[in-house]
Protein backbone atom coordinates (compact mmCIF):
# COMPACT_ATOMS: atom_id res chain seq x y z
CA MET A 1 -99.87 20.42 5.91
CA THR A 2 -96.40 21.99 6.24
CA SER A 3 -94.65 22.58 2.92
CA SER A 4 -91.21 21.06 2.35
CA ARG A 5 -89.89 24.63 2.10
CA ASN A 6 -90.52 25.09 5.82
CA GLU A 7 -89.18 21.75 7.01
CA PRO A 8 -85.94 22.07 9.00
CA ILE A 9 -82.75 20.92 7.30
CA ALA A 10 -81.67 17.86 9.28
CA ALA A 11 -78.03 18.24 8.24
CA LEU A 12 -77.84 21.85 9.49
CA SER A 13 -77.09 23.04 13.02
CA VAL A 14 -77.34 26.70 14.01
CA ALA A 15 -74.76 27.64 16.66
CA ILE A 16 -75.01 30.79 18.73
CA ILE A 17 -72.75 32.04 21.54
CA ALA A 18 -74.15 34.72 23.80
CA CYS A 19 -74.02 36.58 27.10
CA ASN A 20 -76.81 38.84 28.44
CA GLU A 21 -78.56 39.02 25.07
CA GLU A 22 -82.21 38.73 26.10
CA ARG A 23 -83.05 41.89 24.15
CA HIS A 24 -81.93 40.48 20.80
CA ILE A 25 -81.67 36.73 20.89
CA GLY A 26 -85.36 35.90 20.49
CA ASP A 27 -85.55 37.55 17.06
CA ALA A 28 -82.27 35.90 16.03
CA LEU A 29 -83.64 32.47 16.89
CA ALA A 30 -86.98 33.23 15.24
CA SER A 31 -85.16 33.93 11.98
CA VAL A 32 -83.82 30.33 11.92
CA ALA A 33 -86.64 28.52 13.74
CA ASP A 34 -87.77 26.63 10.60
CA LEU A 35 -84.35 26.39 8.98
CA ALA A 36 -82.14 24.09 11.05
CA GLY A 37 -82.47 20.60 12.43
CA GLU A 38 -81.06 21.83 15.73
CA ILE A 39 -80.01 25.00 17.51
CA VAL A 40 -77.06 24.90 19.89
CA ALA A 41 -76.60 27.82 22.28
CA VAL A 42 -73.38 28.21 24.28
CA ILE A 43 -74.14 30.75 27.00
CA ASP A 44 -71.40 32.51 28.94
CA ASP A 45 -71.73 31.51 32.60
CA ARG A 46 -71.47 35.21 33.52
CA SER A 47 -74.82 35.85 31.82
CA ARG A 48 -77.39 37.11 34.33
CA ASP A 49 -80.51 37.71 32.26
CA ALA A 50 -83.06 35.45 30.51
CA THR A 51 -80.85 34.57 27.53
CA ALA A 52 -80.65 30.85 28.35
CA THR A 53 -84.39 30.62 29.07
CA ILE A 54 -85.31 32.27 25.76
CA CYS A 55 -83.02 29.84 23.93
CA ARG A 56 -84.68 26.87 25.61
CA ASN A 57 -88.10 28.25 24.69
CA TYR A 58 -87.03 28.06 21.04
CA GLY A 59 -86.03 24.42 21.48
CA ALA A 60 -82.29 25.04 21.59
CA ARG A 61 -79.87 22.75 23.37
CA VAL A 62 -78.34 25.13 25.90
CA TYR A 63 -74.87 24.80 27.43
CA VAL A 64 -73.85 27.27 30.15
CA GLU A 65 -70.07 27.34 30.01
CA PRO A 66 -67.11 29.47 31.17
CA TRP A 67 -65.91 32.13 28.74
CA ARG A 68 -62.87 30.99 26.73
CA GLY A 69 -62.59 33.84 24.23
CA PHE A 70 -64.42 34.11 20.92
CA PRO A 71 -62.48 31.57 18.82
CA ALA A 72 -62.30 28.95 21.57
CA GLN A 73 -66.01 29.40 22.33
CA ARG A 74 -66.85 28.90 18.65
CA ASN A 75 -64.72 25.75 18.57
CA ARG A 76 -66.63 24.49 21.58
CA ALA A 77 -69.90 25.16 19.77
CA LEU A 78 -68.62 23.24 16.72
CA ASP A 79 -67.84 20.27 18.97
CA LEU A 80 -71.35 20.35 20.45
CA CYS A 81 -73.19 20.48 17.13
CA ARG A 82 -74.43 17.28 15.47
CA GLY A 83 -75.23 18.48 11.96
CA ALA A 84 -72.84 18.00 9.06
CA TRP A 85 -73.19 21.76 8.42
CA VAL A 86 -73.05 24.57 10.99
CA LEU A 87 -74.38 28.10 10.59
CA PHE A 88 -72.99 30.51 13.17
CA LEU A 89 -75.37 33.31 14.12
CA ASP A 90 -74.81 36.12 16.62
CA ALA A 91 -77.60 37.29 18.89
CA ASP A 92 -77.77 40.67 17.13
CA GLU A 93 -78.01 39.10 13.68
CA ARG A 94 -80.96 37.88 11.63
CA VAL A 95 -81.07 35.41 8.73
CA LEU A 96 -83.06 37.22 6.04
CA PRO A 97 -85.55 35.21 3.94
CA ASP A 98 -83.42 35.33 0.78
CA LEU A 99 -80.51 33.78 2.66
CA ALA A 100 -82.69 31.10 4.25
CA ASP A 101 -84.01 30.11 0.81
CA GLU A 102 -80.51 30.00 -0.63
CA ILE A 103 -79.21 27.83 2.21
CA ARG A 104 -82.09 25.41 1.68
CA ALA A 105 -81.43 25.21 -2.05
CA THR A 106 -77.67 24.84 -1.58
CA LEU A 107 -77.73 22.13 1.07
CA SER A 108 -80.47 20.15 -0.67
CA GLY A 109 -78.18 19.57 -3.67
CA GLY A 110 -74.66 18.30 -4.07
CA VAL A 111 -72.24 20.65 -2.28
CA ASN A 112 -68.56 20.65 -3.22
CA MET A 113 -67.61 23.45 -0.84
CA SER A 114 -66.34 23.32 2.74
CA GLY A 115 -67.99 26.61 3.66
CA PHE A 116 -69.65 29.78 2.46
CA TRP A 117 -69.05 33.48 2.96
CA ILE A 118 -72.27 35.41 3.61
CA PRO A 119 -72.71 39.16 2.95
CA ARG A 120 -74.08 41.18 5.85
CA TYR A 121 -76.05 44.40 6.12
CA ASN A 122 -74.90 46.53 9.07
CA LEU A 123 -77.25 48.90 10.86
CA PHE A 124 -75.67 51.78 12.79
CA PHE A 125 -78.14 53.96 14.70
CA GLY A 126 -80.89 52.53 12.49
CA GLN A 127 -79.14 53.41 9.20
CA ARG A 128 -78.01 50.65 6.84
CA LEU A 129 -74.48 51.45 5.74
CA LYS A 130 -73.28 51.32 2.14
CA GLY A 131 -69.52 51.86 2.51
CA GLY A 132 -66.63 52.14 4.92
CA GLY A 133 -66.06 48.38 5.01
CA TRP A 134 -69.47 47.73 6.54
CA TYR A 135 -70.88 46.41 3.28
CA PRO A 136 -70.82 43.77 1.95
CA ASP A 137 -68.93 42.77 5.14
CA GLU A 138 -68.78 39.10 4.17
CA GLN A 139 -68.65 36.63 7.05
CA LEU A 140 -67.56 32.98 6.89
CA ARG A 141 -70.51 31.58 8.84
CA LEU A 142 -71.75 28.48 7.03
CA MET A 143 -69.30 25.58 7.16
CA ARG A 144 -68.90 21.85 7.20
CA ARG A 145 -68.42 20.93 10.83
CA ASP A 146 -65.57 18.51 10.18
CA CYS A 147 -63.71 20.96 7.90
CA ALA A 148 -63.62 24.04 10.13
CA ARG A 149 -61.59 25.22 13.09
CA TYR A 150 -60.97 28.65 14.63
CA ASP A 151 -57.49 29.94 15.44
CA GLU A 152 -57.60 30.44 19.20
CA ALA A 153 -54.62 32.80 19.13
CA ARG A 154 -56.74 35.36 17.28
CA LEU A 155 -58.61 37.13 20.07
CA VAL A 156 -60.98 39.29 18.00
CA HIS A 157 -62.58 39.32 14.53
CA GLU A 158 -62.08 35.58 14.42
CA PHE A 159 -62.88 33.44 11.41
CA ALA A 160 -62.64 29.74 10.70
CA ALA A 161 -59.84 28.06 8.79
CA LEU A 162 -61.38 25.62 6.32
CA ASP A 163 -60.03 22.35 4.99
CA GLY A 164 -61.29 22.92 1.48
CA PRO A 165 -62.72 25.65 -0.77
CA ALA A 166 -65.29 28.27 0.23
CA GLY A 167 -68.10 29.65 -1.90
CA ARG A 168 -70.19 32.81 -1.58
CA MET A 169 -73.85 33.28 -0.84
CA ARG A 170 -75.96 36.04 -2.38
CA GLY A 171 -78.53 36.14 0.45
CA HIS A 172 -77.84 38.35 3.45
CA LEU A 173 -77.51 38.45 7.19
CA LEU A 174 -78.82 41.55 8.94
CA HIS A 175 -76.60 42.86 11.74
CA LEU A 176 -78.04 45.27 14.32
CA ASN A 177 -74.55 46.55 14.92
CA ILE A 178 -74.78 49.74 16.99
CA GLU A 179 -77.81 51.47 18.48
CA ARG A 180 -76.25 53.83 21.07
CA LEU A 181 -73.10 55.95 21.24
CA ASP A 182 -71.89 54.35 24.49
CA GLU A 183 -72.31 50.94 22.86
CA LEU A 184 -70.11 52.03 19.94
CA TRP A 185 -67.45 53.39 22.28
CA GLY A 186 -67.45 50.35 24.55
CA LYS A 187 -67.36 47.83 21.71
CA GLN A 188 -64.56 49.54 19.82
CA ARG A 189 -62.48 50.01 22.96
CA ALA A 190 -62.80 46.29 23.74
CA TYR A 191 -61.83 45.41 20.17
CA ALA A 192 -58.83 47.76 20.31
CA ILE A 193 -57.54 46.17 23.50
CA GLN A 194 -58.01 42.63 22.16
CA GLU A 195 -56.28 43.53 18.90
CA ALA A 196 -53.39 45.04 20.87
CA GLN A 197 -53.05 41.83 22.85
CA THR A 198 -52.98 39.80 19.62
CA LEU A 199 -50.26 42.07 18.18
CA PHE A 200 -48.30 41.85 21.43
CA LEU A 201 -48.35 38.05 21.38
CA ALA A 202 -47.16 38.19 17.76
CA GLY A 203 -44.21 40.39 18.77
CA VAL A 204 -45.29 43.42 16.71
CA PRO A 205 -43.27 46.53 17.72
CA VAL A 206 -44.65 50.07 18.18
CA ARG A 207 -42.88 53.06 16.68
CA ARG A 208 -43.65 56.73 17.32
CA ARG A 209 -44.78 57.34 13.76
CA THR A 210 -47.35 54.57 14.14
CA PHE A 211 -49.52 56.90 16.24
CA ILE A 212 -49.88 59.16 13.21
CA SER A 213 -49.63 56.75 10.29
CA ALA A 214 -51.98 54.06 11.61
CA PRO A 215 -55.03 56.31 12.23
CA ALA A 216 -54.37 58.22 9.01
CA ARG A 217 -54.26 54.99 7.02
CA GLU A 218 -57.40 53.68 8.70
CA PHE A 219 -59.37 56.85 7.99
CA TYR A 220 -58.25 56.97 4.35
CA ARG A 221 -58.96 53.26 3.90
CA ARG A 222 -62.49 53.47 5.27
CA PHE A 223 -63.58 56.90 4.07
CA VAL A 224 -61.94 56.96 0.62
CA THR A 225 -60.92 53.46 -0.49
CA LEU A 226 -63.98 51.73 0.99
CA ARG A 227 -66.20 54.73 0.17
CA GLY A 228 -67.39 55.56 3.66
CA TYR A 229 -68.34 58.96 2.23
CA ARG A 230 -71.41 57.28 0.74
CA ASP A 231 -72.97 57.25 4.21
CA GLY A 232 -72.76 61.01 4.65
CA VAL A 233 -72.23 62.57 8.08
CA LEU A 234 -72.64 59.19 9.81
CA GLY A 235 -70.00 57.70 7.53
CA LEU A 236 -67.58 60.52 8.33
CA PHE A 237 -68.16 60.11 12.06
CA LEU A 238 -67.73 56.32 12.00
CA CYS A 239 -64.55 56.45 9.90
CA ALA A 240 -63.07 59.04 12.26
CA THR A 241 -64.05 56.89 15.22
CA MET A 242 -62.30 53.85 13.77
CA ALA A 243 -59.19 55.98 13.16
CA TYR A 244 -59.23 57.17 16.78
CA PHE A 245 -59.34 53.61 18.08
CA GLU A 246 -56.22 52.80 16.09
CA ILE A 247 -54.49 55.22 18.49
CA VAL A 248 -56.11 53.43 21.45
CA LYS A 249 -54.93 50.07 20.11
CA TYR A 250 -51.31 51.09 19.69
CA ALA A 251 -51.26 52.97 22.99
CA HIS A 252 -52.35 49.78 24.72
CA LEU A 253 -49.77 47.78 22.75
CA LYS A 254 -47.08 50.25 23.82
CA GLY A 255 -48.20 49.87 27.43
CA LEU A 256 -47.91 46.09 27.20
CA ALA A 257 -44.40 46.41 25.78
CA ILE A 258 -43.36 48.78 28.59
CA LEU A 259 -44.72 46.38 31.21
CA GLU A 260 -42.87 43.47 29.61
CA LYS A 261 -39.57 45.39 29.68
CA ALA A 262 -40.12 46.44 33.29
CA ASP A 263 -40.86 42.86 34.26
CA ALA A 264 -37.77 41.57 32.46
CA LYS A 265 -35.64 44.21 34.18
CA ALA A 266 -37.04 43.25 37.58
CA GLN A 267 -36.30 39.59 36.89
CA ARG A 268 -32.68 40.43 35.98
CA ARG A 269 -32.25 42.41 39.19
CA LYS A 270 -33.71 39.58 41.17
CA GLY A 271 -31.31 37.14 39.49
CA LYS A 272 -28.30 39.31 40.33
CA GLY A 273 -29.38 39.59 43.94
CA GLN A 274 -29.51 35.84 44.47
């Protein structure tokens, strides 16, 4: 006979958005297989591997949809879920047993919160980080479905706006963040470009001193303030890497500003010629 501890929580949906994640997604789904009343997977229609099939094998409701950007895709997942509560999980994350137990205990009682922040362990090259902003790395992932919405103007590092208060869990997610150097470089470059686009849409200007002050601030913040030094040589390397990509971000932002000015100038010339 199955114990009540292992019975899925009917009021909980697990939502996952993914693209070409066959390597990781099976273990992610296994970590919540006995936790939620349903699993909803929104798969990018550009995905070309077995991600969707693996999700179906775990009993997930699978929707293959066009990519809208992270916040819009999460909003779509919220709309597709049926549970009163939604737990967002990425393919490279795992719900650890202590977190699963805490979610069960929390949702089985009276809950006065609209959501919960969850601490996350980050693994870089197999090492669990202690500082640099990578721990406790709290993520707003558990939320009442009707109280949460993502800001679709925020293109990266999105989080939900809640209609109501948020609590904090003690149990952890495990994030298999980076395993290879090319993965680190590619991910951070993509983040830098998306952050630059967000700043551009917000009308943030770029000054020459930014190319010195921004990376310097980022390195000091991560290595000293957030104690990235606790992670030794790896911590030093990662903090320096994040500082470098501040330069990439502002270089891209500067390029967008130059293109906008050139386009405006061309439009003025065109108007004068008519």
